[in-house]
C-alpha atoms as a PDB file:
ATOM      1  CA  ASP A   1    -121.357  96.051-113.596  1.00  0.00           C
ATOM      2  CA  ALA A   2    -121.235  99.030-116.084  1.00  0.00           C
ATOM      3  CA  PRO A   3    -122.755 102.730-115.456  1.00  0.00           C
ATOM      4  CA  GLU A   4    -126.410 103.010-117.036  1.00  0.00           C
ATOM      5  CA  MET A   5    -127.066 105.889-119.482  1.00  0.00           C
ATOM      6  CA  THR A   6    -131.112 106.482-118.653  1.00  0.00           C
ATOM      7  CA  GLY A   7    -133.082 105.607-115.834  1.00  0.00           C
ATOM      8  CA  SER A   8    -133.159 106.228-111.500  1.00  0.00           C
ATOM      9  CA  LYS A   9    -129.495 105.350-111.508  1.00  0.00           C
ATOM     10  CA  SER A  10    -128.446 106.634-114.562  1.00  0.00           C
ATOM     11  CA  GLU A  11    -124.683 107.708-114.758  1.00  0.00           C
ATOM     12  CA  PRO A  12    -125.071 109.269-118.104  1.00  0.00           C
ATOM     13  CA  ILE A  13    -120.939 110.800-118.449  1.00  0.00           C
ATOM     14  CA  ALA A  14    -119.591 107.449-117.116  1.00  0.00           C
ATOM     15  CA  ALA A  15    -121.813 105.436-119.092  1.00  0.00           C
ATOM     16  CA  LEU A  16    -120.936 106.999-122.296  1.00  0.00           C
ATOM     17  CA  ALA A  17    -116.975 107.005-121.210  1.00  0.00           C
ATOM     18  CA  ALA A  18    -117.406 102.994-120.449  1.00  0.00           C
ATOM     19  CA  LYS A  19    -119.167 102.779-124.009  1.00  0.00           C
ATOM     20  CA  GLU A  20    -116.672 104.753-125.790  1.00  0.00           C
ATOM     21  CA  TYR A  21    -113.875 102.838-124.337  1.00  0.00           C
ATOM     22  CA  LEU A  22    -115.910  99.507-124.823  1.00  0.00           C
ATOM     23  CA  ASN A  23    -116.170 100.628-128.725  1.00  0.00           C
ATOM     24  CA  LYS A  24    -112.509 101.402-128.976  1.00  0.00           C
ATOM     25  CA  LEU A  25    -111.509  98.240-127.707  1.00  0.00           C
ATOM     26  CA  ILE A  26    -113.805  95.510-129.618  1.00  0.00           C
ATOM     27  CA  GLY A  27    -116.078  97.375-131.682  1.00  0.00           C
ATOM     28  CA  GLY A  28    -115.707  95.696-135.248  1.00  0.00           C
ATOM     29  CA  LYS A  29    -113.549  93.253-134.211  1.00  0.00           C
ATOM     30  CA  GLU A  30    -113.900  89.280-133.539  1.00  0.00           C
ATOM     31  CA  VAL A  31    -114.697  88.776-129.677  1.00  0.00           C
ATOM     32  CA  THR A  32    -115.750  85.261-128.124  1.00  0.00           C
ATOM     33  CA  ILE A  33    -119.223  85.033-126.412  1.00  0.00           C
ATOM     34  CA  ARG A  34    -119.484  82.538-123.137  1.00  0.00           C
ATOM     35  CA  ARG A  35    -122.703  82.191-122.518  1.00  0.00           C
ATOM     36  CA  ILE A  36    -123.189  81.751-118.926  1.00  0.00           C
ATOM     37  CA  ARG A  37    -126.980  81.803-118.163  1.00  0.00           C
ATOM     38  CA  LYS A  38    -129.851  84.278-119.039  1.00  0.00           C
ATOM     39  CA  ASP A  39    -130.954  86.724-116.248  1.00  0.00           C
ATOM     40  CA  ARG A  40    -134.724  87.290-114.804  1.00  0.00           C
ATOM     41  CA  TYR A  41    -135.186  89.322-117.787  1.00  0.00           C
ATOM     42  CA  GLY A  42    -134.266  86.955-120.963  1.00  0.00           C
ATOM     43  CA  ARG A  43    -130.959  88.587-121.393  1.00  0.00           C
ATOM     44  CA  THR A  44    -127.729  86.828-121.741  1.00  0.00           C
ATOM     45  CA  VAL A  45    -125.201  86.857-119.170  1.00  0.00           C
ATOM     46  CA  ALA A  46    -121.772  85.934-120.626  1.00  0.00           C
ATOM     47  CA  GLU A  47    -117.816  86.560-120.741  1.00  0.00           C
ATOM     48  CA  LEU A  48    -116.614  88.427-123.863  1.00  0.00           C
ATOM     49  CA  SER A  49    -112.842  87.601-125.276  1.00  0.00           C
ATOM     50  CA  LYS A  50    -111.163  89.311-127.837  1.00  0.00           C
ATOM     51  CA  ARG A  51    -108.130  86.400-128.137  1.00  0.00           C
ATOM     52  CA  LYS A  52    -106.862  85.855-124.841  1.00  0.00           C
ATOM     53  CA  MET A  53    -108.326  89.278-122.603  1.00  0.00           C
ATOM     54  CA  ASN A  54    -111.638  89.164-120.810  1.00  0.00           C
ATOM     55  CA  VAL A  55    -113.264  92.359-122.168  1.00  0.00           C
ATOM     56  CA  GLN A  56    -115.436  92.566-118.156  1.00  0.00           C
ATOM     57  CA  LYS A  57    -112.221  92.096-116.495  1.00  0.00           C
ATOM     58  CA  GLU A  58    -109.912  95.046-118.953  1.00  0.00           C
ATOM     59  CA  LEU A  59    -113.476  96.650-118.123  1.00  0.00           C
ATOM     60  CA  PHE A  60    -113.002  96.772-113.943  1.00  0.00           C
ATOM     61  CA  LYS A  61    -109.177  97.194-114.399  1.00  0.00           C
ATOM     62  CA  ARG A  62    -109.736 100.332-116.170  1.00  0.00           C
ATOM     63  CA  GLY A  63    -112.217 101.372-113.556  1.00  0.00           C
ATOM     64  CA  PHE A  64    -114.784 101.848-116.532  1.00  0.00           C
ATOM     65  CA  ALA A  65    -117.201  98.824-114.209  1.00  0.00           C
ATOM     66  CA  LYS A  66    -117.196  97.721-111.317  1.00  0.00           C
ATOM     67  CA  ILE A  67    -118.213  93.849-109.865  1.00  0.00           C
ATOM     68  CA  TYR A  68    -121.475  93.392-108.955  1.00  0.00           C
ATOM     69  CA  GLN A  69    -121.207  91.125-106.211  1.00  0.00           C
ATOM     70  CA  HIS A  70    -124.703  89.011-106.365  1.00  0.00           C
ATOM     71  CA  TYR A  71    -123.246  87.886-109.161  1.00  0.00           C
ATOM     72  CA  ALA A  72    -119.830  87.412-108.455  1.00  0.00           C
ATOM     73  CA  ASN A  73    -119.926  83.420-108.592  1.00  0.00           C
ATOM     74  CA  GLN A  74    -120.324  83.252-112.335  1.00  0.00           C
ATOM     75  CA  CYS A  75    -116.404  84.532-113.464  1.00  0.00           C
ATOM     76  CA  GLU A  76    -113.845  83.268-111.728  1.00  0.00           C
ATOM     77  CA  TRP A  77    -111.718  86.154-112.238  1.00  0.00           C
ATOM     78  CA  SER A  78    -114.044  88.451-110.414  1.00  0.00           C
ATOM     79  CA  LYS A  79    -114.065  85.821-107.027  1.00  0.00           C
ATOM     80  CA  SER A  80    -110.459  86.822-106.927  1.00  0.00           C
ATOM     81  CA  LYS A  81    -109.672  88.969-104.183  1.00  0.00           C
ATOM     82  CA  GLY A  82    -106.000  89.517-105.589  1.00  0.00           C
ATOM     83  CA  ASP A  83    -104.578  92.109-108.151  1.00  0.00           C
ATOM     84  CA  PHE A  84    -106.498  92.308-111.725  1.00  0.00           C
END
């Protein structure tokens, strides 16, 4: 779960930092998308990979995202209690 740019729970400074990091990480690069499901709003829930790197895991490790426990069971890596 990454910070929101707008809305009642927005964190625009943190959201912009996460967005900029993500753009540097994968902008203009080939990624693989593994669709997990659609959420209640019809949005795709997926894991992104760049070569062998899990993009969500990288965002988490760098402090740009957190694990939203309600959905953590959808990705094997996010269920782990060990070091990332």
